[in-house]
Amino acid sequence: MENNNKQDEIKPASVIKGWKKWLNYQSVVKQIPFFLFLTLLAVVYIYNGHYADKTIRNINRTAKEVEELQHEYKAVKSEVMFRSKQSELAKAVQQLNLKELSSAPVVLTPAAAAE
């Protein structure tokens, strides 16, 4: 039991000596480049987080724009398909006093023109 108590008493003193060894001025000055490196890593880590958030916002905004453009495309396409039907074309050109042909068109050939 006495050996255990002596070891417990010796440990804190050696730990304190070890900390003093690491916390003296020369050791701290020696570690400054490492601390600066850790600070740089922290700044890069924070920047990367902000950049990722900004990129996600841009992706979401672009996805919404694409969705709106898809809806607009479908609406315009259906309008064009509707207006290009023969009955709709006939209604549109009726105002110009144009009428639909009731007979088949005549094909002109060079032989027919010479006669």
Protein backbone atom coordinates (compact mmCIF):
# COMPACT_ATOMS: atom_id res chain seq x y z
CA MET A 1 0.00 0.00 0.00
CA GLU A 2 2.78 2.37 0.74
CA ASN A 3 4.22 1.85 -2.72
CA ASN A 4 0.90 2.83 -4.30
CA ASN A 5 0.72 6.03 -2.28
CA LYS A 6 4.29 6.93 -3.17
CA GLN A 7 3.60 6.38 -6.87
CA ASP A 8 0.48 8.55 -6.67
CA GLU A 9 2.48 11.30 -5.03
CA ILE A 10 5.25 11.08 -7.61
CA LYS A 11 2.92 11.22 -10.62
CA PRO A 12 1.48 14.71 -10.10
CA ALA A 13 4.91 16.21 -9.60
CA SER A 14 6.25 14.64 -12.77
CA VAL A 15 3.11 15.72 -14.68
CA ILE A 16 3.57 19.30 -13.50
CA LYS A 17 7.22 19.20 -14.54
CA GLY A 18 6.18 17.88 -17.96
CA TRP A 19 3.66 20.70 -18.44
CA LYS A 20 6.16 23.30 -17.38
CA LYS A 21 8.54 21.88 -19.94
CA TRP A 22 5.92 22.32 -22.69
CA LEU A 23 4.70 25.72 -21.55
CA ASN A 24 7.98 27.58 -21.26
CA TYR A 25 8.66 30.47 -23.63
CA GLN A 26 11.03 28.65 -25.95
CA SER A 27 8.67 25.70 -26.46
CA VAL A 28 5.74 27.98 -27.20
CA VAL A 29 7.77 30.02 -29.69
CA LYS A 30 8.93 26.79 -31.28
CA GLN A 31 5.29 25.71 -31.79
CA ILE A 32 4.08 28.98 -33.39
CA PRO A 33 4.33 27.66 -36.99
CA PHE A 34 2.18 24.68 -36.03
CA PHE A 35 -0.41 26.94 -34.38
CA LEU A 36 -0.45 29.13 -37.49
CA PHE A 37 -0.96 26.02 -39.61
CA LEU A 38 -3.88 24.97 -37.40
CA THR A 39 -5.35 28.47 -37.71
CA LEU A 40 -5.01 28.32 -41.48
CA LEU A 41 -6.76 24.95 -41.52
CA ALA A 42 -9.60 26.37 -39.42
CA VAL A 43 -10.01 29.33 -41.80
CA VAL A 44 -10.02 27.01 -44.83
CA TYR A 45 -12.57 24.77 -43.10
CA ILE A 46 -14.87 27.73 -42.40
CA TYR A 47 -14.46 29.04 -45.95
CA ASN A 48 -15.26 25.62 -47.37
CA GLY A 49 -18.48 25.48 -45.34
CA HIS A 50 -19.59 28.90 -46.57
CA TYR A 51 -18.67 28.03 -50.15
CA ALA A 52 -20.68 24.79 -49.95
CA ASP A 53 -23.73 26.68 -48.62
CA LYS A 54 -23.43 29.25 -51.43
CA THR A 55 -23.12 26.49 -54.03
CA ILE A 56 -26.19 24.70 -52.67
CA ARG A 57 -28.19 27.95 -52.82
CA ASN A 58 -27.10 28.49 -56.43
CA ILE A 59 -28.04 24.92 -57.35
CA ASN A 60 -31.48 25.30 -55.77
CA ARG A 61 -32.09 28.62 -57.53
CA THR A 62 -31.02 27.14 -60.87
CA ALA A 63 -33.25 24.10 -60.33
CA LYS A 64 -36.24 26.40 -59.73
CA GLU A 65 -35.42 28.38 -62.89
CA VAL A 66 -35.16 25.16 -64.91
CA GLU A 67 -38.50 23.99 -63.56
CA GLU A 68 -40.15 27.31 -64.48
CA LEU A 69 -38.63 27.19 -67.96
CA GLN A 70 -39.87 23.62 -68.43
CA HIS A 71 -43.41 24.71 -67.54
CA GLU A 72 -43.14 27.66 -69.91
CA TYR A 73 -41.82 25.39 -72.69
CA LYS A 74 -44.71 22.96 -72.24
CA ALA A 75 -47.25 25.79 -72.27
CA VAL A 76 -45.80 27.37 -75.42
CA LYS A 77 -45.51 23.99 -77.13
CA SER A 78 -49.14 23.15 -76.43
CA GLU A 79 -50.20 26.60 -77.70
CA VAL A 80 -48.23 26.11 -80.93
CA MET A 81 -49.67 22.62 -81.40
CA PHE A 82 -53.18 24.00 -80.89
CA ARG A 83 -52.70 26.92 -83.29
CA SER A 84 -51.12 24.76 -85.99
CA LYS A 85 -54.22 22.57 -86.36
CA GLN A 86 -55.91 22.96 -89.73
CA SER A 87 -59.16 24.29 -88.26
CA GLU A 88 -57.33 26.94 -86.22
CA LEU A 89 -55.27 27.99 -89.23
CA ALA A 90 -58.47 28.37 -91.28
CA LYS A 91 -59.93 30.64 -88.59
CA ALA A 92 -56.73 32.72 -88.46
CA VAL A 93 -56.51 33.31 -92.22
CA GLN A 94 -60.24 33.95 -92.62
CA GLN A 95 -59.63 37.53 -91.48
CA LEU A 96 -57.27 37.97 -94.44
CA ASN A 97 -59.98 36.79 -96.86
CA LEU A 98 -58.04 33.63 -97.62
CA LYS A 99 -59.96 30.40 -98.00
CA GLU A 100 -59.05 26.77 -97.87
CA LEU A 101 -58.70 24.92 -101.16
CA SER A 102 -61.66 22.68 -101.91
CA SER A 103 -59.98 20.88 -104.80
CA ALA A 104 -56.61 19.24 -105.07
CA PRO A 105 -53.73 21.42 -106.21
CA VAL A 106 -52.56 21.16 -109.81
CA VAL A 107 -49.00 20.04 -110.35
CA LEU A 108 -47.21 21.80 -113.18
CA THR A 109 -44.67 19.74 -115.09
CA PRO A 110 -42.30 20.89 -117.83
CA ALA A 111 -44.05 18.68 -120.43
CA ALA A 112 -47.42 20.21 -119.61
CA ALA A 113 -46.04 23.73 -119.96
CA ALA A 114 -44.65 23.03 -123.48
CA GLU A 115 -48.00 21.93 -124.89
